[in-house]
Amino acid sequence: MEKNIVVVGSMNQDIIMKIARMPDLGESMMVDECILAAGGKGCNQAVQASKLGANVSMVGAVGKDAMGDFLLSEAEKYHVNISNVRKTNVATGMGDAHVLPDGSLFCTVVKGANFELKTEDVDQAEVLLRKANIVILQNEIPEEVDYYVIDKAREWGYKIIYNAAPAREMKRQYIAKCDIVVVNEVEAGFYCGITIDDVEKAKTEALKLCREMGNDWIFTLGAAGSVVTSGEKAIFIPSYKVKAVESLGAGDSYIGALSYALLSGMSLFEGCRFATSCSALTVMSYGAQPAMPTLEEVEEFRTYPSIRDS
């Protein structure tokens, strides 16, 4: 039987601005270059899993506008099933990213049509979700939709990878129902109530959450790597040293790749090592979805160190 991934989440038009520095308060700056690309945490994660070879479907919402048409076209180009993406009268969501020369990123997101997603849309996708092995969620959609998908997991038989990002207040009992929770260091600090600024602190705090909620937690730490916890075990997986040009989509690449890896039979820790390779490749090019690697590119990257060390 074919294994399936369903992403219930966001679809955004990304506007990527390459700048030498962030402007001062009240200052107007000229942008060196502007790139338009398909994005949104949900759709990015779906595209990465699909580019690796997984069978992936998207449940989401876009506007009845040119941006929505573009996002749907791009998702289809990467072989993501968009039959359960609804068009609404609210404009398509947008992401505005400012990228500095070292690849670091400052980003704001317009909710748009993403927050028109309803529990009824989940019901409309019941047949699809009942066939899913893994469902991926994020916080760029209404929290009641996240809760509803989590509640349906036991009834409909799928596992949940929950990207609790952007950080927001969520009921702990619902987070505990998710199989795997993935956050970056800023979001981890929000849920832990302290600043996560080194690997050992990340291990300690991730294990606390793991024990409290009885599920697996992953803290991604940007260029440093990631901390992965399961049961009483916490390991640090370092990132590859690469020439990063932009970090947009790196975390989404990690999550999409992890979902593919788990369906391929890898363990959680093996899957996270594989996902680290994918995110490293993603930061080497501009635009989230175009930069995300195929399986062949990942295998070459992991086989030939000169690719990543150059």
Protein backbone atom coordinates (compact mmCIF):
# COMPACT_ATOMS: atom_id res chain seq x y z
CA MET A 1 0.00 0.00 0.00
CA GLU A 2 1.28 3.47 -0.91
CA LYS A 3 2.33 5.60 2.06
CA ASN A 4 0.92 9.12 2.23
CA ILE A 5 1.74 12.45 3.82
CA VAL A 6 -0.90 15.14 4.24
CA VAL A 7 0.03 18.70 5.19
CA VAL A 8 -2.71 20.81 6.77
CA GLY A 9 -1.26 24.29 6.68
CA SER A 10 -0.31 27.57 5.09
CA MET A 11 0.39 28.72 1.55
CA ASN A 12 2.04 32.13 1.13
CA GLN A 13 3.43 34.30 -1.63
CA ASP A 14 7.00 35.05 -0.50
CA ILE A 15 8.63 38.40 -1.27
CA ILE A 16 12.37 38.00 -0.65
CA MET A 17 14.39 41.20 -0.39
CA LYS A 18 18.20 41.03 -0.47
CA ILE A 19 19.63 43.90 1.59
CA ALA A 20 23.05 44.89 2.91
CA ARG A 21 21.69 45.62 6.40
CA MET A 22 18.43 46.23 8.20
CA PRO A 23 17.28 49.88 7.99
CA ASP A 24 17.34 52.12 11.04
CA LEU A 25 14.09 53.40 12.54
CA GLY A 26 12.54 55.89 10.13
CA GLU A 27 15.03 55.13 7.36
CA SER A 28 14.08 54.23 3.79
CA MET A 29 16.48 51.90 1.98
CA MET A 30 16.89 50.71 -1.56
CA VAL A 31 16.69 46.92 -1.95
CA ASP A 32 19.49 45.24 -3.89
CA GLU A 33 17.20 42.58 -5.38
CA CYS A 34 13.65 41.28 -4.91
CA ILE A 35 12.67 37.66 -5.56
CA LEU A 36 9.09 36.38 -5.72
CA ALA A 37 8.63 32.72 -4.75
CA ALA A 38 6.03 30.28 -3.50
CA GLY A 39 6.13 29.71 0.23
CA GLY A 40 4.23 29.24 3.49
CA LYS A 41 5.40 26.75 6.08
CA GLY A 42 2.78 24.20 5.13
CA CYS A 43 3.32 24.24 1.39
CA ASN A 44 7.12 24.35 1.79
CA GLN A 45 7.01 21.21 3.91
CA ALA A 46 4.73 19.51 1.41
CA VAL A 47 6.99 20.41 -1.52
CA GLN A 48 10.14 19.13 0.20
CA ALA A 49 8.58 15.76 0.99
CA SER A 50 7.25 15.53 -2.57
CA LYS A 51 10.58 16.46 -4.17
CA LEU A 52 12.14 13.56 -2.27
CA GLY A 53 9.58 11.17 -3.72
CA ALA A 54 6.77 10.98 -1.16
CA ASN A 55 3.09 10.99 -2.08
CA VAL A 56 1.94 14.32 -0.61
CA SER A 57 -1.38 16.19 -0.42
CA MET A 58 -2.11 19.71 0.78
CA VAL A 59 -5.13 20.91 2.77
CA GLY A 60 -5.18 24.70 2.86
CA ALA A 61 -6.67 27.94 1.53
CA VAL A 62 -5.62 30.64 -0.92
CA GLY A 63 -7.31 33.73 -2.29
CA LYS A 64 -9.08 34.11 -5.61
CA ASP A 65 -6.17 36.11 -6.94
CA ALA A 66 -3.04 35.84 -9.06
CA MET A 67 -0.91 34.96 -6.03
CA GLY A 68 -3.19 32.05 -5.16
CA ASP A 69 -3.08 30.79 -8.74
CA PHE A 70 0.71 31.01 -8.67
CA LEU A 71 0.98 29.01 -5.43
CA LEU A 72 -1.29 26.29 -6.75
CA SER A 73 0.63 26.11 -10.00
CA GLU A 74 3.96 25.83 -8.19
CA ALA A 75 2.67 23.11 -5.83
CA GLU A 76 1.37 21.12 -8.79
CA LYS A 77 4.72 21.54 -10.53
CA TYR A 78 6.30 19.72 -7.59
CA HIS A 79 3.61 16.99 -7.74
CA VAL A 80 1.73 18.01 -4.58
CA ASN A 81 -1.97 17.08 -4.67
CA ILE A 82 -3.91 20.37 -4.28
CA SER A 83 -7.45 19.01 -4.69
CA ASN A 84 -8.23 19.98 -1.07
CA VAL A 85 -6.96 23.56 -1.27
CA ARG A 86 -9.95 25.92 -1.14
CA LYS A 87 -10.12 29.32 -2.83
CA THR A 88 -11.57 32.06 -0.61
CA ASN A 89 -12.62 35.70 -0.98
CA VAL A 90 -9.76 36.76 1.33
CA ALA A 91 -6.44 37.59 -0.31
CA THR A 92 -3.70 34.98 -0.38
CA GLY A 93 -1.27 35.00 2.55
CA MET A 94 2.13 36.64 2.11
CA GLY A 95 5.58 36.37 3.60
CA ASP A 96 7.95 39.36 3.54
CA ALA A 97 11.57 38.27 4.06
CA HIS A 98 14.63 40.51 4.38
CA VAL A 99 17.85 38.57 3.73
CA LEU A 100 21.26 39.85 4.85
CA PRO A 101 24.55 39.00 3.10
CA ASP A 102 25.38 36.25 5.63
CA GLY A 103 22.07 34.51 4.85
CA SER A 104 20.33 35.52 8.09
CA LEU A 105 16.67 36.36 7.81
CA PHE A 106 14.04 38.72 9.20
CA CYS A 107 10.51 37.75 8.21
CA THR A 108 6.93 38.91 8.73
CA VAL A 109 3.83 37.04 7.54
CA VAL A 110 0.37 38.23 6.46
CA LYS A 111 -2.25 35.68 7.57
CA GLY A 112 -4.56 36.22 4.62
CA ALA A 113 -6.55 33.25 3.34
CA ASN A 114 -4.65 30.85 5.60
CA PHE A 115 -6.84 31.92 8.50
CA GLU A 116 -9.98 31.18 6.48
CA LEU A 117 -9.16 27.46 6.83
CA LYS A 118 -11.92 25.79 8.88
CA THR A 119 -12.65 22.48 10.56
CA GLU A 120 -15.16 21.88 7.77
CA ASP A 121 -12.21 21.82 5.34
CA VAL A 122 -10.71 19.03 7.42
CA ASP A 123 -13.99 17.11 7.23
CA GLN A 124 -14.02 17.60 3.45
CA ALA A 125 -10.60 15.96 3.34
CA GLU A 126 -11.60 12.99 5.54
CA VAL A 127 -11.03 10.37 2.84
CA LEU A 128 -7.58 11.81 2.21
CA LEU A 129 -6.70 12.01 5.89
CA ARG A 130 -7.88 8.46 6.61
CA LYS A 131 -5.30 7.26 4.05
CA ALA A 132 -2.50 9.37 5.57
CA ASN A 133 0.39 7.84 7.48
CA ILE A 134 1.72 11.21 8.63
CA VAL A 135 -0.04 14.57 8.94
CA ILE A 136 2.06 17.73 9.31
CA LEU A 137 0.71 20.80 11.13
CA GLN A 138 2.01 24.31 11.86
CA ASN A 139 0.76 27.52 13.50
CA GLU A 140 0.15 29.57 10.35
CA ILE A 141 -3.49 28.42 10.41
CA PRO A 142 -6.20 28.88 13.09
CA GLU A 143 -5.47 27.02 16.32
CA GLU A 144 -8.94 25.42 16.32
CA VAL A 145 -8.03 23.70 13.05
CA ASP A 146 -4.81 22.38 14.60
CA TYR A 147 -6.79 21.10 17.59
CA TYR A 148 -9.37 19.44 15.36
CA VAL A 149 -6.74 17.63 13.25
CA ILE A 150 -4.99 16.49 16.44
CA ASP A 151 -8.27 15.19 17.88
CA LYS A 152 -8.96 13.22 14.70
CA ALA A 153 -5.57 11.50 14.69
CA ARG A 154 -6.57 8.56 16.85
CA GLU A 155 -9.87 8.08 15.04
CA TRP A 156 -8.42 8.36 11.53
CA GLY A 157 -5.14 6.58 12.25
CA TYR A 158 -2.32 8.96 11.30
CA LYS A 159 0.73 10.20 13.22
CA ILE A 160 1.32 13.93 13.66
CA ILE A 161 4.47 15.98 13.15
CA TYR A 162 3.65 19.35 14.70
CA ASN A 163 5.80 22.33 13.78
CA ALA A 164 4.76 24.62 16.64
CA ALA A 165 5.72 27.74 14.70
CA PRO A 166 5.32 30.65 14.80
CA ALA A 167 5.21 30.34 18.59
CA ARG A 168 1.79 30.96 20.15
CA GLU A 169 -0.11 29.92 23.25
CA MET A 170 -1.39 26.38 22.68
CA LYS A 171 -3.10 23.98 25.09
CA ARG A 172 -0.43 21.67 26.47
CA GLN A 173 -2.71 18.64 26.34
CA TYR A 174 -2.99 19.04 22.58
CA ILE A 175 0.75 19.42 22.08
CA ALA A 176 1.17 16.23 24.12
CA LYS A 177 -1.09 14.34 21.68
CA CYS A 178 1.32 15.00 18.79
CA ASP A 179 3.90 12.32 18.03
CA ILE A 180 6.77 14.67 17.15
CA VAL A 181 7.07 18.39 17.92
CA VAL A 182 9.59 20.53 16.03
CA VAL A 183 10.57 24.09 17.00
CA ASN A 184 13.56 26.37 16.39
CA GLU A 185 15.56 27.90 19.23
CA VAL A 186 13.38 31.03 19.47
CA GLU A 187 10.15 29.01 19.57
CA ALA A 188 11.72 26.55 22.01
CA GLY A 189 12.45 29.45 24.33
CA PHE A 190 8.81 30.50 24.16
CA TYR A 191 7.49 27.06 25.12
CA CYS A 192 10.19 26.46 27.75
CA GLY A 193 10.00 29.93 29.27
CA ILE A 194 13.79 30.47 29.07
CA THR A 195 16.32 31.50 26.44
CA ILE A 196 17.82 28.59 24.52
CA ASP A 197 21.34 29.75 23.70
CA ASP A 198 23.52 26.64 23.76
CA VAL A 199 23.35 22.93 22.96
CA GLU A 200 23.42 21.64 26.54
CA LYS A 201 20.56 23.90 27.55
CA ALA A 202 18.65 22.72 24.48
CA LYS A 203 19.18 19.08 25.49
CA THR A 204 18.05 19.72 29.06
CA GLU A 205 14.92 21.64 28.11
CA ALA A 206 13.94 19.33 25.25
CA LEU A 207 14.18 16.32 27.59
CA LYS A 208 11.95 18.11 30.11
CA LEU A 209 9.27 18.58 27.46
CA CYS A 210 9.75 15.02 26.24
CA ARG A 211 9.16 13.66 29.75
CA GLU A 212 6.30 16.02 30.51
CA MET A 213 4.34 15.28 27.35
CA GLY A 214 5.43 11.76 26.48
CA ASN A 215 6.33 12.56 22.87
CA ASP A 216 9.46 13.34 20.83
CA TRP A 217 10.86 16.88 20.61
CA ILE A 218 13.28 18.40 18.12
CA PHE A 219 14.93 21.78 18.64
CA THR A 220 16.51 23.10 15.43
CA LEU A 221 19.37 25.48 16.26
CA GLY A 222 20.05 27.20 12.94
CA ALA A 223 23.61 26.91 11.69
CA ALA A 224 24.63 24.95 14.79
CA GLY A 225 22.45 21.90 14.12
CA SER A 226 19.59 20.29 16.04
CA VAL A 227 18.83 18.52 19.32
CA VAL A 228 16.64 15.44 19.00
CA THR A 229 15.00 13.81 22.03
CA SER A 230 13.08 10.57 22.36
CA GLY A 231 12.34 8.81 25.64
CA GLU A 232 15.37 9.43 27.86
CA LYS A 233 17.75 10.00 24.96
CA ALA A 234 18.89 13.38 23.67
CA ILE A 235 21.45 13.75 20.90
CA PHE A 236 22.98 16.72 19.11
CA ILE A 237 23.22 16.53 15.32
CA PRO A 238 25.58 19.21 13.97
CA SER A 239 24.82 21.06 10.76
CA TYR A 240 27.02 20.77 7.69
CA LYS A 241 29.41 23.61 6.97
CA VAL A 242 28.13 25.14 3.74
CA LYS A 243 28.08 28.54 2.08
CA ALA A 244 24.61 29.75 3.05
CA VAL A 245 22.99 32.48 0.99
CA GLU A 246 19.54 32.45 2.63
CA SER A 247 17.91 30.46 5.46
CA LEU A 248 14.30 30.87 4.24
CA GLY A 249 12.65 27.44 4.17
CA ALA A 250 15.50 25.59 5.91
CA GLY A 251 13.31 24.53 8.83
CA ASP A 252 10.50 23.53 6.47
CA SER A 253 12.94 21.48 4.41
CA TYR A 254 14.00 19.71 7.62
CA ILE A 255 10.41 18.81 8.52
CA GLY A 256 9.40 17.72 5.03
CA ALA A 257 12.54 15.59 4.79
CA LEU A 258 11.97 14.06 8.22
CA SER A 259 8.45 12.99 7.25
CA TYR A 260 9.80 11.36 4.09
CA ALA A 261 12.58 9.64 6.05
CA LEU A 262 10.22 8.19 8.65
CA LEU A 263 7.94 6.77 5.94
CA SER A 264 11.03 5.29 4.29
CA GLY A 265 11.76 3.27 7.43
CA MET A 266 14.44 5.40 9.05
CA SER A 267 14.51 5.83 12.83
CA LEU A 268 13.87 9.28 14.30
CA PHE A 269 17.59 9.92 14.76
CA GLU A 270 18.50 8.62 11.29
CA GLY A 271 15.69 10.70 9.84
CA CYS A 272 16.96 13.85 11.51
CA ARG A 273 20.46 13.28 10.13
CA PHE A 274 18.92 12.92 6.68
CA ALA A 275 16.82 16.07 7.23
CA THR A 276 19.97 17.97 8.23
CA SER A 277 21.41 17.25 4.78
CA CYS A 278 18.27 18.57 3.10
CA SER A 279 18.19 21.81 5.06
CA ALA A 280 21.90 22.37 4.36
CA LEU A 281 21.26 22.13 0.64
CA THR A 282 18.26 24.45 0.92
CA VAL A 283 20.25 27.33 2.43
CA MET A 284 22.72 27.23 -0.47
CA SER A 285 20.19 28.75 -2.92
CA TYR A 286 17.53 31.48 -2.91
CA GLY A 287 13.79 30.80 -2.55
CA ALA A 288 12.42 28.08 -0.30
CA GLN A 289 10.77 25.64 -2.69
CA PRO A 290 13.13 25.99 -5.67
CA ALA A 291 16.12 25.50 -3.34
CA MET A 292 14.81 22.32 -1.73
CA PRO A 293 16.68 19.22 -2.92
CA THR A 294 15.60 16.05 -4.67
CA LEU A 295 16.60 12.64 -3.31
CA GLU A 296 19.37 12.35 -5.90
CA GLU A 297 20.83 15.69 -4.83
CA VAL A 298 20.75 14.68 -1.17
CA GLU A 299 22.47 11.36 -1.86
CA GLU A 300 25.20 13.13 -3.86
CA PHE A 301 25.64 15.73 -1.13
CA ARG A 302 26.05 13.06 1.56
CA THR A 303 28.40 10.98 -0.57
CA TYR A 304 30.82 13.69 -1.76
CA PRO A 305 32.07 16.01 1.03
CA SER A 306 33.64 18.42 -1.47
CA ILE A 307 30.15 19.60 -2.46
CA ARG A 308 29.40 20.88 1.00
CA ASP A 309 32.90 21.99 2.03
CA SER A 310 33.55 24.19 -1.01
